[in-house]
Amino acid sequence: MKSCQVTQPNPVITLCKKRKWFGPNLFSAFFYWLIFQAPSILYFAIYPLLYIELKDFNILILYIMKRQLYVAVLLLLATLMSSPDTNAQTASKPFFTVEGEVLKPLKLTLHDLSKLKQTEVKAKDKDGKEHSFKGVRLVDILDSAGVSLGKELRGKNLTKYILIKAVDGYEVIFSLPEVDPEFTGQTIILAYQVDGNPLPKGEGPFRIVAPNDKRPARWIRELTTIKVVFSKE
């Protein structure tokens, strides 16, 4: 009995390499492959006992290859269904970044903020009503990122400012002395709660609250990025 070798690449393996499956995706791929290839595996296992003729064996090989293409399609669908959507991740675990002239760039979530020192301030929002905002002082977040503050805030460091961006592209700036308690008595916070509740959609999950500002134009909503930069001459 002559042996029959299939030189064509295995479509399932090729698809796995192309999709770079790992973790849960690799498990899903193996699970679906094992289920749909079980009959093929059994065929190969019992073949020596059946003494199938060579032409029948070739037909079997072609049948298995067709099944593999079918399985590849199923694996692709399974991957699309099992892979978490990026937007869904962002919605389930919102975050913002601290970058620029910092020693330690940060990516902070609500859980990360809960570990920092909490601060509450009362201030009037655009509706003219006083609200209680809870969050973390902006200076504490900058300090966690290694920004020059306190005694180090002198000379060229005084030319740095904080550029804060929102999801819709809106931007505001604060100078570093505006947030440093050694220069000012005001408390600017990055809030994530108002009146004991999470910030509503359109405002949160993060926003800036600067109680001493007469107009809340810099109370940027849906904050995504805090960037420390040097001013240009």
Protein backbone atom coordinates (compact mmCIF):
# COMPACT_ATOMS: atom_id res chain seq x y z
CA MET A 1 0.00 0.00 0.00
CA LYS A 2 1.45 3.35 -1.08
CA SER A 3 1.50 6.31 1.28
CA CYS A 4 -0.27 9.47 0.35
CA GLN A 5 1.18 12.82 1.49
CA VAL A 6 -0.73 16.07 1.42
CA THR A 7 1.69 18.92 0.69
CA GLN A 8 -0.89 21.69 0.74
CA PRO A 9 -0.78 23.86 3.90
CA ASN A 10 -3.34 23.14 6.56
CA PRO A 11 -5.92 25.94 6.26
CA VAL A 12 -6.75 25.77 9.97
CA ILE A 13 -3.11 26.24 11.02
CA THR A 14 -2.64 28.98 8.42
CA LEU A 15 -5.69 30.83 9.71
CA CYS A 16 -4.50 30.52 13.32
CA LYS A 17 -1.11 31.99 12.40
CA LYS A 18 -2.67 34.78 10.37
CA ARG A 19 -5.09 35.74 13.14
CA LYS A 20 -2.32 35.42 15.79
CA TRP A 21 -4.62 33.54 18.12
CA PHE A 22 -3.55 33.43 21.76
CA GLY A 23 -5.18 33.09 25.17
CA PRO A 24 -8.95 32.57 24.95
CA ASN A 25 -8.89 32.76 21.13
CA LEU A 26 -6.46 29.84 20.89
CA PHE A 27 -8.61 27.82 23.25
CA SER A 28 -11.69 28.59 21.15
CA ALA A 29 -9.84 27.61 17.97
CA PHE A 30 -8.70 24.29 19.43
CA PHE A 31 -12.14 23.57 20.87
CA TYR A 32 -13.93 24.09 17.57
CA TRP A 33 -11.24 22.23 15.65
CA LEU A 34 -11.47 19.26 18.00
CA ILE A 35 -15.27 19.06 17.67
CA PHE A 36 -15.48 19.32 13.89
CA GLN A 37 -12.35 17.29 13.17
CA ALA A 38 -13.27 14.43 15.52
CA PRO A 39 -14.74 12.30 12.67
CA SER A 40 -11.58 12.84 10.62
CA ILE A 41 -9.37 11.83 13.52
CA LEU A 42 -11.43 8.67 13.98
CA TYR A 43 -11.12 7.86 10.27
CA PHE A 44 -7.32 8.00 10.47
CA ALA A 45 -7.33 5.96 13.67
CA ILE A 46 -9.34 3.06 12.26
CA TYR A 47 -7.96 3.21 8.70
CA PRO A 48 -5.33 0.45 9.19
CA LEU A 49 -8.12 -1.86 10.35
CA LEU A 50 -10.35 -1.20 7.36
CA TYR A 51 -7.76 -1.69 4.55
CA ILE A 52 -9.37 0.97 2.43
CA GLU A 53 -8.14 1.05 -1.14
CA LEU A 54 -5.79 3.87 -2.13
CA LYS A 55 -8.34 5.62 -4.34
CA ASP A 56 -10.83 5.59 -1.47
CA PHE A 57 -8.12 7.00 0.79
CA ASN A 58 -7.54 9.88 -1.66
CA ILE A 59 -11.25 10.62 -1.68
CA LEU A 60 -11.13 10.66 2.11
CA ILE A 61 -8.22 13.15 2.08
CA LEU A 62 -10.11 15.50 -0.26
CA TYR A 63 -13.17 15.23 1.93
CA ILE A 64 -11.12 16.14 5.03
CA MET A 65 -9.57 19.14 3.27
CA LYS A 66 -13.01 20.44 2.35
CA ARG A 67 -14.07 20.01 5.96
CA GLN A 68 -11.02 21.95 7.10
CA LEU A 69 -12.02 24.89 4.94
CA TYR A 70 -15.47 24.71 6.48
CA VAL A 71 -13.93 24.62 9.96
CA ALA A 72 -11.71 27.60 9.10
CA VAL A 73 -14.81 29.66 8.35
CA LEU A 74 -16.39 28.57 11.62
CA LEU A 75 -13.21 29.46 13.50
CA LEU A 76 -13.23 32.92 11.97
CA LEU A 77 -16.83 33.46 13.05
CA ALA A 78 -16.06 32.11 16.52
CA THR A 79 -13.12 34.49 16.85
CA LEU A 80 -15.19 37.50 15.88
CA MET A 81 -17.83 36.49 18.42
CA SER A 82 -15.39 35.69 21.24
CA SER A 83 -12.94 38.58 20.75
CA PRO A 84 -13.88 41.50 23.00
CA ASP A 85 -14.66 44.65 21.11
CA THR A 86 -12.25 47.56 21.73
CA ASN A 87 -15.08 50.01 22.22
CA ALA A 88 -16.76 47.62 24.62
CA GLN A 89 -13.57 47.42 26.65
CA THR A 90 -13.31 51.17 26.77
CA ALA A 91 -16.92 51.41 27.87
CA SER A 92 -16.51 48.77 30.59
CA LYS A 93 -13.17 50.12 31.86
CA PRO A 94 -12.87 53.80 30.98
CA PHE A 95 -9.45 55.37 31.43
CA PHE A 96 -7.42 58.50 30.79
CA THR A 97 -3.71 58.98 30.23
CA VAL A 98 -1.09 61.25 31.78
CA GLU A 99 1.78 61.92 29.39
CA GLY A 100 4.27 64.49 28.11
CA GLU A 101 6.91 65.98 30.45
CA VAL A 102 6.45 63.30 33.09
CA LEU A 103 8.78 60.73 34.62
CA LYS A 104 6.13 58.03 34.67
CA PRO A 105 3.36 58.04 32.03
CA LEU A 106 0.10 56.79 33.49
CA LYS A 107 -3.07 55.09 32.29
CA LEU A 108 -5.63 55.43 35.05
CA THR A 109 -9.05 53.83 35.46
CA LEU A 110 -11.78 54.48 38.01
CA HIS A 111 -10.33 51.69 40.11
CA ASP A 112 -6.90 53.34 40.05
CA LEU A 113 -8.39 56.67 41.14
CA SER A 114 -10.14 55.01 44.07
CA LYS A 115 -6.72 54.07 45.47
CA LEU A 116 -5.57 57.71 45.57
CA LYS A 117 -6.45 60.30 48.21
CA GLN A 118 -10.07 61.34 47.74
CA THR A 119 -11.24 64.95 47.78
CA GLU A 120 -14.69 66.54 47.69
CA VAL A 121 -15.45 70.11 46.63
CA LYS A 122 -18.67 72.06 46.33
CA ALA A 123 -19.17 74.36 43.37
CA LYS A 124 -21.84 75.75 41.07
CA ASP A 125 -22.06 74.16 37.63
CA LYS A 126 -23.54 75.66 34.46
CA ASP A 127 -27.05 75.04 35.80
CA GLY A 128 -26.36 77.60 38.56
CA LYS A 129 -26.91 75.01 41.28
CA GLU A 130 -24.33 73.96 43.83
CA HIS A 131 -23.16 70.37 43.57
CA SER A 132 -20.78 68.17 45.52
CA PHE A 133 -18.03 66.71 43.33
CA LYS A 134 -15.82 63.82 44.42
CA GLY A 135 -12.51 62.90 42.86
CA VAL A 136 -8.75 63.28 43.15
CA ARG A 137 -6.77 66.49 43.24
CA LEU A 138 -5.14 67.18 39.90
CA VAL A 139 -1.87 67.89 41.68
CA ASP A 140 -1.89 64.41 43.26
CA ILE A 141 -2.33 62.79 39.84
CA LEU A 142 0.52 64.85 38.41
CA ASP A 143 2.69 63.99 41.40
CA SER A 144 2.06 60.27 40.79
CA ALA A 145 3.38 60.78 37.26
CA GLY A 146 6.55 62.45 38.51
CA VAL A 147 5.77 66.00 37.38
CA SER A 148 7.99 68.78 38.75
CA LEU A 149 6.08 70.32 41.65
CA GLY A 150 6.74 71.98 44.98
CA LYS A 151 10.38 73.02 45.43
CA GLU A 152 11.22 71.70 41.96
CA LEU A 153 8.71 74.06 40.36
CA ARG A 154 11.08 76.90 39.55
CA GLY A 155 13.13 78.21 36.64
CA LYS A 156 12.29 76.55 33.34
CA ASN A 157 9.77 74.28 35.03
CA LEU A 158 7.57 77.33 35.56
CA THR A 159 7.11 77.50 31.78
CA LYS A 160 5.34 74.15 31.75
CA TYR A 161 1.57 73.93 31.47
CA ILE A 162 -1.09 71.23 31.57
CA LEU A 163 -2.97 70.54 28.34
CA ILE A 164 -6.18 68.61 29.00
CA LYS A 165 -8.12 67.03 26.14
CA ALA A 166 -11.67 65.69 25.84
CA VAL A 167 -13.06 62.95 23.64
CA ASP A 168 -14.62 65.50 21.26
CA GLY A 169 -11.34 67.37 20.77
CA TYR A 170 -12.09 70.19 23.23
CA GLU A 171 -8.93 71.38 25.00
CA VAL A 172 -8.12 73.58 28.00
CA ILE A 173 -4.89 74.52 29.76
CA PHE A 174 -3.75 75.18 33.32
CA SER A 175 -0.36 76.41 34.40
CA LEU A 176 1.46 74.20 36.89
CA PRO A 177 1.42 76.90 39.63
CA GLU A 178 -2.41 76.97 39.33
CA VAL A 179 -2.62 73.44 40.71
CA ASP A 180 0.37 73.40 43.09
CA PRO A 181 -0.70 74.10 46.72
CA GLU A 182 2.62 75.86 47.35
CA PHE A 183 1.53 78.53 44.84
CA THR A 184 -2.23 78.67 45.25
CA GLY A 185 -5.02 78.03 47.72
CA GLN A 186 -7.51 76.68 45.20
CA THR A 187 -8.24 72.97 44.79
CA ILE A 188 -8.70 71.67 41.25
CA ILE A 189 -9.89 68.09 41.08
CA LEU A 190 -10.43 65.41 38.50
CA ALA A 191 -13.97 64.38 39.43
CA TYR A 192 -15.76 61.11 38.74
CA GLN A 193 -18.80 61.56 40.99
CA VAL A 194 -21.37 64.30 41.50
CA ASP A 195 -23.78 64.36 44.44
CA GLY A 196 -22.79 60.80 45.32
CA ASN A 197 -23.46 59.37 41.85
CA PRO A 198 -21.21 58.62 38.85
CA LEU A 199 -20.98 61.47 36.39
CA PRO A 200 -23.80 61.22 33.83
CA LYS A 201 -23.27 60.45 30.17
CA GLY A 202 -21.97 63.50 28.37
CA GLU A 203 -20.01 64.65 31.42
CA GLY A 204 -18.06 61.62 32.58
CA PRO A 205 -16.61 59.33 33.40
CA PHE A 206 -13.97 61.99 34.14
CA ARG A 207 -14.10 65.78 34.24
CA ILE A 208 -12.20 68.70 35.70
CA VAL A 209 -13.74 70.88 38.41
CA ALA A 210 -12.08 74.22 39.20
CA PRO A 211 -14.27 75.88 41.87
CA ASN A 212 -12.42 79.22 41.81
CA ASP A 213 -13.07 79.82 38.11
CA LYS A 214 -15.92 82.31 37.73
CA ARG A 215 -16.95 80.58 34.50
CA PRO A 216 -16.82 76.77 34.19
CA ALA A 217 -15.33 76.94 30.69
CA ARG A 218 -12.31 74.93 31.84
CA TRP A 219 -14.42 72.31 33.57
CA ILE A 220 -13.65 69.98 30.70
CA ARG A 221 -15.96 66.99 30.36
CA GLU A 222 -15.31 63.45 29.09
CA LEU A 223 -11.62 63.89 29.76
CA THR A 224 -9.25 61.52 27.94
CA THR A 225 -5.74 62.97 28.19
CA ILE A 226 -3.65 65.07 30.56
CA LYS A 227 -0.42 66.23 28.92
CA VAL A 228 2.34 68.29 30.53
CA VAL A 229 4.26 70.37 27.98
CA PHE A 230 6.78 73.20 27.80
CA SER A 231 5.49 76.49 26.45
CA LYS A 232 7.02 77.59 23.13
CA GLU A 233 8.76 80.92 22.76
